[in-house]
């Protein structure tokens, strides 16, 4: 239970970081901004379907949160470069 709360808290904080980094990139404009906006929407749609499907198939909350955190951290690393 404590681990799940920790993972959810970290997911919220990491997501805010990615939102901030994406906002800056999109605000800069240009081709990179367009690609980032497209990628952002595509990732959200794919993640929504993937994780919804996993939940329907009986995946635990912990496993879903861990997978989403992994994807969010990857975005944070990519956008921080």
Protein backbone atom coordinates (compact mmCIF):
# COMPACT_ATOMS: atom_id res chain seq x y z
CA UNK A 1 0.00 0.00 0.00
CA UNK A 2 2.76 2.46 0.93
CA UNK A 3 4.67 1.56 -2.25
CA UNK A 4 1.59 2.26 -4.37
CA UNK A 5 1.09 5.65 -2.72
CA UNK A 6 4.76 6.47 -3.29
CA UNK A 7 4.56 5.45 -6.96
CA UNK A 8 1.39 7.51 -7.47
CA UNK A 9 2.98 10.55 -5.82
CA UNK A 10 6.12 10.21 -7.92
CA UNK A 11 4.01 9.76 -11.06
CA UNK A 12 2.21 13.01 -10.31
CA UNK A 13 5.48 14.89 -9.77
CA UNK A 14 7.20 13.39 -12.81
CA UNK A 15 4.15 14.11 -14.96
CA UNK A 16 4.24 17.78 -13.92
CA UNK A 17 7.90 17.93 -14.95
CA UNK A 18 7.08 16.49 -18.38
CA UNK A 19 4.16 18.90 -18.79
CA UNK A 20 6.46 21.82 -18.02
CA UNK A 21 9.18 20.61 -20.43
CA UNK A 22 6.64 19.99 -23.19
CA UNK A 23 5.03 23.39 -22.68
CA UNK A 24 8.39 25.10 -23.08
CA UNK A 25 9.19 23.09 -26.20
CA UNK A 26 5.80 23.74 -27.80
CA UNK A 27 5.93 27.45 -26.88
CA UNK A 28 9.25 27.73 -28.73
CA UNK A 29 7.41 26.88 -31.94
CA UNK A 30 8.78 25.44 -35.13
CA UNK A 31 8.98 21.94 -36.49
CA UNK A 32 10.10 20.45 -33.16
CA UNK A 33 7.04 21.92 -31.45
CA UNK A 34 4.73 20.43 -34.04
CA UNK A 35 6.37 17.01 -33.72
CA UNK A 36 6.20 17.17 -29.91
CA UNK A 37 2.51 18.05 -29.96
CA UNK A 38 1.79 15.15 -32.31
CA UNK A 39 3.88 12.76 -30.21
CA UNK A 40 2.17 13.90 -27.01
CA UNK A 41 -1.31 13.14 -28.35
CA UNK A 42 -0.26 9.86 -29.96
CA UNK A 43 1.41 8.66 -26.75
CA UNK A 44 -1.62 9.52 -24.63
CA UNK A 45 -4.03 7.69 -26.92
CA UNK A 46 -1.77 4.62 -27.12
CA UNK A 47 -1.16 4.57 -23.36
CA UNK A 48 -4.86 4.95 -22.65
CA UNK A 49 -5.74 1.95 -24.80
CA UNK A 50 -2.81 -0.17 -23.59
CA UNK A 51 -3.33 0.41 -19.90
CA UNK A 52 -7.13 0.15 -20.12
CA UNK A 53 -6.72 -3.19 -21.82
CA UNK A 54 -4.28 -4.36 -19.14
CA UNK A 55 -6.70 -3.35 -16.38
CA UNK A 56 -9.55 -5.20 -18.09
CA UNK A 57 -7.33 -8.28 -18.30
CA UNK A 58 -6.70 -8.13 -14.56
CA UNK A 59 -3.43 -6.21 -14.20
CA UNK A 60 -2.75 -4.81 -10.75
CA UNK A 61 -2.74 -1.11 -9.98
CA UNK A 62 0.93 -1.35 -9.07
CA UNK A 63 1.92 -2.80 -12.43
CA UNK A 64 -0.06 -0.18 -14.35
CA UNK A 65 1.41 2.71 -12.36
CA UNK A 66 4.95 1.33 -12.74
CA UNK A 67 4.58 1.02 -16.52
CA UNK A 68 3.21 4.55 -16.84
CA UNK A 69 5.98 5.94 -14.60
CA UNK A 70 8.57 4.26 -16.82
CA UNK A 71 7.12 5.96 -19.89
CA UNK A 72 6.90 9.33 -18.13
CA UNK A 73 10.52 9.10 -16.95
CA UNK A 74 11.63 8.27 -20.49
CA UNK A 75 9.85 11.39 -21.75
CA UNK A 76 11.45 13.50 -19.02
CA UNK A 77 14.93 12.27 -19.99
CA UNK A 78 14.28 12.86 -23.68
CA UNK A 79 12.91 16.37 -23.15
CA UNK A 80 15.67 17.36 -20.70
CA UNK A 81 18.42 16.98 -23.32
